[in-house]
Protein backbone atom coordinates (compact mmCIF):
# COMPACT_ATOMS: atom_id res chain seq x y z
CA UNK A 1 0.00 0.00 0.00
CA UNK A 2 1.23 3.46 -0.85
CA UNK A 3 0.20 5.61 2.14
CA UNK A 4 2.26 8.72 1.40
CA UNK A 5 4.23 10.22 -1.46
CA UNK A 6 6.36 13.30 -1.94
CA UNK A 7 7.44 14.94 -5.16
CA UNK A 8 6.99 17.81 -7.54
CA UNK A 9 3.79 18.57 -9.44
CA UNK A 10 4.57 18.27 -13.15
CA UNK A 11 1.06 18.69 -14.51
CA UNK A 12 -2.62 18.47 -13.88
CA UNK A 13 -5.53 16.67 -15.46
CA UNK A 14 -9.24 16.84 -14.67
CA UNK A 15 -9.66 15.53 -11.13
CA UNK A 16 -6.05 15.39 -10.10
CA UNK A 17 -2.38 16.05 -10.60
CA UNK A 18 0.68 14.24 -11.88
CA UNK A 19 3.45 14.05 -9.28
CA UNK A 20 7.07 13.35 -10.25
CA UNK A 21 8.30 10.81 -7.71
CA UNK A 22 11.85 9.60 -8.39
CA UNK A 23 11.37 9.98 -12.15
CA UNK A 24 7.92 8.39 -12.28
CA UNK A 25 4.87 10.49 -13.15
CA UNK A 26 2.16 9.29 -10.78
CA UNK A 27 -1.45 10.46 -11.20
CA UNK A 28 -3.15 11.28 -7.89
CA UNK A 29 -6.86 12.16 -7.61
CA UNK A 30 -7.40 15.32 -5.54
CA UNK A 31 -10.40 17.36 -4.53
CA UNK A 32 -10.67 20.62 -6.43
CA UNK A 33 -10.11 22.56 -3.20
CA UNK A 34 -6.66 21.00 -2.75
CA UNK A 35 -5.33 21.46 -6.29
CA UNK A 36 -1.64 22.56 -6.19
CA UNK A 37 0.08 24.24 -9.14
CA UNK A 38 2.80 22.87 -11.44
CA UNK A 39 6.31 23.10 -10.01
CA UNK A 40 5.10 22.99 -6.41
CA UNK A 41 6.61 20.40 -4.09
CA UNK A 42 4.00 18.35 -2.28
CA UNK A 43 3.77 15.66 0.35
CA UNK A 44 0.46 13.83 0.17
CA UNK A 45 -1.17 11.26 2.39
CA UNK A 46 -2.69 8.73 0.01
CA UNK A 47 -5.39 6.11 -0.22
CA UNK A 48 -4.86 3.34 -2.77
CA UNK A 49 -7.99 1.94 -4.39
CA UNK A 50 -7.90 -1.32 -6.32
CA UNK A 51 -10.32 -1.68 -9.20
CA UNK A 52 -10.81 -4.23 -11.93
CA UNK A 53 -9.16 -1.99 -14.51
CA UNK A 54 -6.26 -0.76 -12.36
CA UNK A 55 -5.06 0.97 -9.24
CA UNK A 56 -5.90 4.56 -8.33
CA UNK A 57 -4.35 6.89 -5.77
CA UNK A 58 -6.32 9.54 -3.89
CA UNK A 59 -4.29 12.28 -2.21
CA UNK A 60 -4.87 14.41 0.88
CA UNK A 61 -2.91 17.17 2.54
CA UNK A 62 -3.39 15.82 6.07
CA UNK A 63 -3.78 12.55 7.91
CA UNK A 64 -7.16 13.75 9.26
CA UNK A 65 -8.50 14.31 5.74
CA UNK A 66 -7.43 10.83 4.65
CA UNK A 67 -8.98 9.27 7.76
CA UNK A 68 -12.30 11.05 7.13
CA UNK A 69 -12.20 9.95 3.46
CA UNK A 70 -11.74 6.35 4.63
CA UNK A 71 -14.70 6.78 7.00
CA UNK A 72 -16.84 7.96 4.07
CA UNK A 73 -15.89 4.75 2.24
CA UNK A 74 -17.45 2.67 5.02
CA UNK A 75 -20.90 4.01 4.09
CA UNK A 76 -22.62 1.46 1.87
CA UNK A 77 -22.82 2.66 -1.71
CA UNK A 78 -20.03 5.23 -1.36
CA UNK A 79 -16.92 4.53 -3.42
CA UNK A 80 -13.70 6.53 -3.73
CA UNK A 81 -14.94 8.86 -6.50
CA UNK A 82 -18.18 9.63 -4.67
CA UNK A 83 -16.30 10.22 -1.41
CA UNK A 84 -13.86 12.58 -3.16
CA UNK A 85 -16.77 14.42 -4.76
CA UNK A 86 -18.38 14.90 -1.34
CA UNK A 87 -15.03 15.96 0.06
CA UNK A 88 -14.53 18.60 -2.62
CA UNK A 89 -17.81 20.40 -1.87
CA UNK A 90 -17.14 21.35 1.75
CA UNK A 91 -14.31 21.25 4.26
CA UNK A 92 -13.76 18.12 6.30
CA UNK A 93 -14.54 20.04 9.48
CA UNK A 94 -17.88 21.28 8.11
CA UNK A 95 -18.81 17.79 6.92
CA UNK A 96 -17.88 16.23 10.26
CA UNK A 97 -19.93 18.83 12.12
CA UNK A 98 -22.92 18.32 9.84
CA UNK A 99 -22.75 14.55 10.26
CA UNK A 100 -22.20 14.68 14.04
CA UNK A 101 -25.10 17.12 14.52
CA UNK A 102 -27.25 15.21 12.03
CA UNK A 103 -27.69 18.31 9.86
CA UNK A 104 -29.44 16.71 6.86
CA UNK A 105 -30.33 20.14 5.49
CA UNK A 106 -26.65 21.15 5.20
CA UNK A 107 -25.72 17.88 3.51
CA UNK A 108 -28.54 18.09 0.97
CA UNK A 109 -28.34 21.80 0.15
CA UNK A 110 -24.63 22.63 0.36
CA UNK A 111 -23.05 19.26 -0.39
CA UNK A 112 -25.72 18.30 -2.93
CA UNK A 113 -26.52 14.85 -1.61
CA UNK A 114 -29.94 13.33 -1.95
CA UNK A 115 -31.99 13.18 1.24
CA UNK A 116 -31.81 9.38 1.55
CA UNK A 117 -28.05 9.33 0.94
CA UNK A 118 -27.53 12.08 3.52
CA UNK A 119 -29.67 10.23 6.07
CA UNK A 120 -27.78 6.99 5.43
CA UNK A 121 -24.44 8.78 5.88
CA UNK A 122 -25.60 10.39 9.13
CA UNK A 123 -26.89 7.07 10.51
CA UNK A 124 -23.71 5.19 9.62
CA UNK A 125 -21.16 7.85 10.60
CA UNK A 126 -22.62 10.13 13.30
CA UNK A 127 -21.15 8.05 16.14
CA UNK A 128 -17.78 7.60 14.39
CA UNK A 129 -16.84 11.17 13.45
CA UNK A 130 -15.06 13.44 15.85
CA UNK A 131 -15.83 17.13 15.66
CA UNK A 132 -12.60 19.11 15.78
CA UNK A 133 -14.05 22.45 16.79
CA UNK A 134 -14.74 24.23 13.50
CA UNK A 135 -18.43 24.60 12.88
CA UNK A 136 -20.12 25.49 9.67
CA UNK A 137 -22.60 27.57 11.72
CA UNK A 138 -24.91 27.70 8.76
CA UNK A 139 -22.61 30.19 7.01
CA UNK A 140 -22.22 28.04 3.91
CA UNK A 141 -25.93 27.24 3.91
CA UNK A 142 -26.73 30.96 4.07
CA UNK A 143 -24.17 31.75 1.34
CA UNK A 144 -25.66 28.96 -0.76
CA UNK A 145 -29.18 30.33 -0.31
CA UNK A 146 -28.00 33.85 -1.17
CA UNK A 147 -26.27 32.67 -4.34
CA UNK A 148 -29.42 30.83 -5.43
CA UNK A 149 -31.50 33.95 -4.69
CA UNK A 150 -29.09 35.91 -6.91
CA UNK A 151 -29.82 33.57 -9.81
CA UNK A 152 -27.19 30.84 -9.47
CA UNK A 153 -28.32 27.29 -10.15
CA UNK A 154 -27.84 24.80 -7.29
CA UNK A 155 -24.86 23.33 -9.13
CA UNK A 156 -23.25 26.74 -9.73
CA UNK A 157 -23.76 27.69 -6.07
CA UNK A 158 -22.15 24.44 -4.85
CA UNK A 159 -19.23 24.95 -7.26
CA UNK A 160 -18.77 28.54 -6.08
CA UNK A 161 -18.75 27.35 -2.45
CA UNK A 162 -16.22 24.61 -3.14
CA UNK A 163 -13.90 27.11 -4.85
CA UNK A 164 -13.70 29.36 -1.77
CA UNK A 165 -10.36 28.93 0.04
CA UNK A 166 -10.75 27.32 3.48
CA UNK A 167 -9.00 30.23 5.24
CA UNK A 168 -11.90 32.55 4.27
CA UNK A 169 -14.32 32.50 7.18
CA UNK A 170 -17.51 34.32 8.04
CA UNK A 171 -20.67 34.55 5.99
CA UNK A 172 -19.96 37.92 4.38
CA UNK A 173 -16.36 37.10 3.48
CA UNK A 174 -17.36 33.72 2.02
CA UNK A 175 -20.16 35.32 -0.01
CA UNK A 176 -17.78 37.96 -1.34
CA UNK A 177 -15.23 35.28 -2.29
CA UNK A 178 -17.94 33.22 -4.05
CA UNK A 179 -19.12 36.24 -6.04
CA UNK A 180 -15.54 37.22 -6.90
CA UNK A 181 -14.88 33.68 -8.17
CA UNK A 182 -17.82 33.93 -10.60
CA UNK A 183 -16.34 37.06 -12.18
CA UNK A 184 -12.97 35.46 -12.98
C-alpha cells in the first residue's frame, strides 16, 4: 500500500495532478479545493484503491483528511470517487460537524446529496466522526441560499462554495469570495 508520497507537481488533469516521484509520473486524484500548481513540491497522504481496470491513488494534505475519506468509504454505496466528490464540496470540518449534529439540510443543500443518501451517511457515521471544533454555523448554507437567490443554479452555487479557500471565514467574506470567483 502506498500511504504517502512526496514529489513535484509536473502537470494536472481533470480531477487530479501528476506528481514526479523519483522519475515516475504518478497520477493522484485530488479534490478541487486541494489542487496545487505545477512546479510545487507536495507531500500527500494517500489512499490506494484497487479496481478491476487498475489501481488509483487519492491524495490528501493531512492525515485527518485521509482518515475522514476512509470513514466515508465505510458508508454502503459510497466509493472513492463519490467520497472525493463529497469531500470537494465542503471542508472536512464542516462535513464532520454536519454529520455529528445530524444536519441533513446542510448535507442536501450545500453538499448536494440526496436526502436518503444524507440520512444513510448520518446514521452510519454520526457516532464515528469526531468534531474538531470548526463549525459550519450555517454560514455556507446561508451563502448557498443567497447565491441561489441571486440567480445561481444549485450546481453553480455548490461549485462557487467549493472554490472558496478554506482560510476565508464568516458569511460575508465567504459570499464575497464566491461572487468574486464567478467574475474570474
